Amino acid sequence: MQRSSPRHGVCTAARAMAALCLSAASLAAPAQSHPQHPDHPAAPPAFVASTAKPYAGLIDDAMGVMHHGMTQAPTNGVPDHDFVAMMIPHHQGAIDMAKALLLYGKDPALRNLAQGIITEQQNEIRLMQAWLQRHQAGQSQATPPR
């Protein structure tokens, strides 16, 4: 089965949500960040859950956005920070995959599971964003200006 690779237009709300989730990891500007990965020179378009694409195309899109977000997450060598920076796009990928299932899936138990994944992963993203904000604020307060 050949999967579709062209990307369709992105609605404003989805673009804003993806930008929030993918840029949250950049709240703590690292001293050393991952260099641009040669296989992913530009960010893929934001994920849009739409029946304009088949399920397989949506999953490809979700995985592409997630992979890009994880490989481009700003890291600084501090395990706690780096874990959170990469988990935010990972969780967003799970949300996007669950949205694709809600569009095409028929099994009521799996649809319920997908809805739970969306709710829980969104909550965890908010917790990780708050952690990054707290630790960025703590770093800027702890370092005296030169």
Protein backbone atom coordinates (compact mmCIF):
# COMPACT_ATOMS: atom_id res chain seq x y z
CA MET A 1 0.00 0.00 0.00
CA GLN A 2 1.49 3.31 -1.04
CA ARG A 3 1.01 6.13 1.44
CA SER A 4 0.23 9.67 0.46
CA SER A 5 2.99 12.18 1.18
CA PRO A 6 1.56 15.55 0.02
CA ARG A 7 0.52 17.76 2.87
CA HIS A 8 -2.82 19.56 2.91
CA GLY A 9 -3.62 23.03 4.26
CA VAL A 10 -3.46 23.64 7.98
CA CYS A 11 -6.27 25.26 9.91
CA THR A 12 -5.38 28.11 12.26
CA ALA A 13 -6.42 26.31 15.45
CA ALA A 14 -4.39 23.20 14.67
CA ARG A 15 -1.38 25.31 13.71
CA ALA A 16 -1.59 27.24 16.99
CA MET A 17 -1.94 24.03 19.04
CA ALA A 18 1.00 22.37 17.32
CA ALA A 19 3.13 25.49 17.64
CA LEU A 20 2.37 25.69 21.35
CA CYS A 21 3.21 22.07 21.98
CA LEU A 22 6.29 21.91 19.77
CA SER A 23 7.68 25.26 20.90
CA ALA A 24 7.12 24.61 24.60
CA ALA A 25 10.38 22.72 24.73
CA SER A 26 12.19 25.84 23.59
CA LEU A 27 11.20 27.75 26.74
CA ALA A 28 14.50 26.79 28.29
CA ALA A 29 17.08 27.97 25.77
CA PRO A 30 19.94 25.50 26.04
CA ALA A 31 23.61 26.27 26.01
CA GLN A 32 24.09 23.30 23.68
CA SER A 33 21.27 22.18 21.46
CA HIS A 34 20.89 19.40 18.95
CA PRO A 35 22.19 20.45 15.55
CA GLN A 36 19.70 20.32 12.69
CA HIS A 37 19.32 16.64 11.76
CA PRO A 38 20.38 16.20 8.12
CA ASP A 39 17.39 13.95 7.35
CA HIS A 40 14.95 16.59 8.65
CA PRO A 41 16.09 19.98 7.38
CA ALA A 42 12.69 21.67 7.76
CA ALA A 43 9.77 21.16 10.09
CA PRO A 44 6.89 19.24 8.56
CA PRO A 45 3.53 21.01 8.46
CA ALA A 46 1.52 20.82 11.67
CA PHE A 47 -0.68 17.76 12.04
CA VAL A 48 -4.29 18.20 10.96
CA ALA A 49 -6.83 15.50 11.77
CA SER A 50 -9.08 15.46 8.71
CA THR A 51 -10.92 12.89 6.65
CA ALA A 52 -9.41 14.61 3.60
CA LYS A 53 -6.57 12.10 4.06
CA PRO A 54 -6.76 8.36 4.60
CA TYR A 55 -5.87 6.96 8.01
CA ALA A 56 -2.42 5.83 6.85
CA GLY A 57 -1.62 9.34 5.63
CA LEU A 58 -2.68 10.83 8.97
CA ILE A 59 -0.47 8.41 10.86
CA ASP A 60 2.46 9.25 8.57
CA ASP A 61 1.88 12.95 9.26
CA ALA A 62 1.61 12.43 13.02
CA MET A 63 4.80 10.38 13.10
CA GLY A 64 6.66 12.90 10.94
CA VAL A 65 5.72 15.84 13.16
CA MET A 66 6.54 13.84 16.31
CA HIS A 67 9.89 12.59 15.02
CA HIS A 68 10.92 16.06 13.91
CA GLY A 69 9.89 17.56 17.25
CA MET A 70 11.83 14.97 19.21
CA THR A 71 15.00 15.16 17.14
CA GLN A 72 14.97 18.96 17.13
CA ALA A 73 14.09 19.40 20.82
CA PRO A 74 16.50 21.81 22.49
CA THR A 75 18.68 19.74 24.77
CA ASN A 76 21.37 20.86 27.19
CA GLY A 77 22.80 17.61 28.57
CA VAL A 78 20.74 17.74 31.78
CA PRO A 79 18.75 14.49 31.78
CA ASP A 80 15.66 15.94 33.49
CA HIS A 81 15.48 18.84 31.04
CA ASP A 82 16.25 16.76 27.96
CA PHE A 83 13.66 14.13 28.91
CA VAL A 84 10.92 16.74 29.22
CA ALA A 85 11.97 18.60 26.07
CA MET A 86 11.69 15.43 23.99
CA MET A 87 8.61 14.01 25.72
CA ILE A 88 6.44 17.01 24.83
CA PRO A 89 6.48 16.28 21.08
CA HIS A 90 6.29 12.55 21.84
CA HIS A 91 3.07 13.06 23.81
CA GLN A 92 1.71 15.35 21.08
CA GLY A 93 2.37 12.54 18.62
CA ALA A 94 0.23 10.20 20.73
CA ILE A 95 -2.54 12.81 20.76
CA ASP A 96 -2.37 13.20 16.99
CA MET A 97 -2.47 9.43 16.44
CA ALA A 98 -5.47 9.16 18.78
CA LYS A 99 -7.27 11.89 16.82
CA ALA A 100 -6.69 9.91 13.62
CA LEU A 101 -8.23 6.86 15.25
CA LEU A 102 -11.26 8.88 16.37
CA LEU A 103 -11.83 9.88 12.74
CA TYR A 104 -11.58 6.38 11.30
CA GLY A 105 -11.81 3.82 14.11
CA LYS A 106 -15.01 1.92 14.72
CA ASP A 107 -14.30 -0.12 17.87
CA PRO A 108 -15.97 1.62 20.84
CA ALA A 109 -13.34 0.40 23.32
CA LEU A 110 -10.47 1.73 21.19
CA ARG A 111 -12.29 5.02 20.58
CA ASN A 112 -12.70 5.37 24.35
CA LEU A 113 -9.00 4.57 24.83
CA ALA A 114 -8.06 7.17 22.20
CA GLN A 115 -10.15 9.83 23.95
CA GLY A 116 -8.45 8.97 27.25
CA ILE A 117 -5.02 9.23 25.60
CA ILE A 118 -5.88 12.70 24.30
CA THR A 119 -7.02 13.89 27.73
CA GLU A 120 -4.12 12.40 29.70
CA GLN A 121 -1.38 13.33 27.25
CA GLN A 122 -2.65 16.94 27.10
CA ASN A 123 -2.54 17.09 30.90
CA GLU A 124 0.99 15.68 30.95
CA ILE A 125 2.13 18.17 28.28
CA ARG A 126 0.85 21.01 30.48
CA LEU A 127 2.77 19.59 33.46
CA MET A 128 5.97 19.33 31.42
CA GLN A 129 5.56 22.86 30.04
CA ALA A 130 5.13 24.15 33.60
CA TRP A 131 8.24 22.22 34.68
CA LEU A 132 10.27 23.83 31.88
CA GLN A 133 8.99 27.29 32.83
CA ARG A 134 9.82 26.77 36.52
CA HIS A 135 13.30 25.51 35.76
CA GLN A 136 14.02 28.22 33.20
CA ALA A 137 12.99 30.84 35.79
CA GLY A 138 15.15 29.13 38.43
CA GLN A 139 18.18 29.12 36.09
CA SER A 140 17.83 32.79 35.21
CA GLN A 141 17.47 33.75 38.88
CA ALA A 142 20.37 31.56 39.99
CA THR A 143 22.81 32.99 37.44
CA PRO A 144 23.92 36.55 38.33
CA PRO A 145 24.18 38.97 35.41
CA ARG A 146 27.70 39.71 34.14
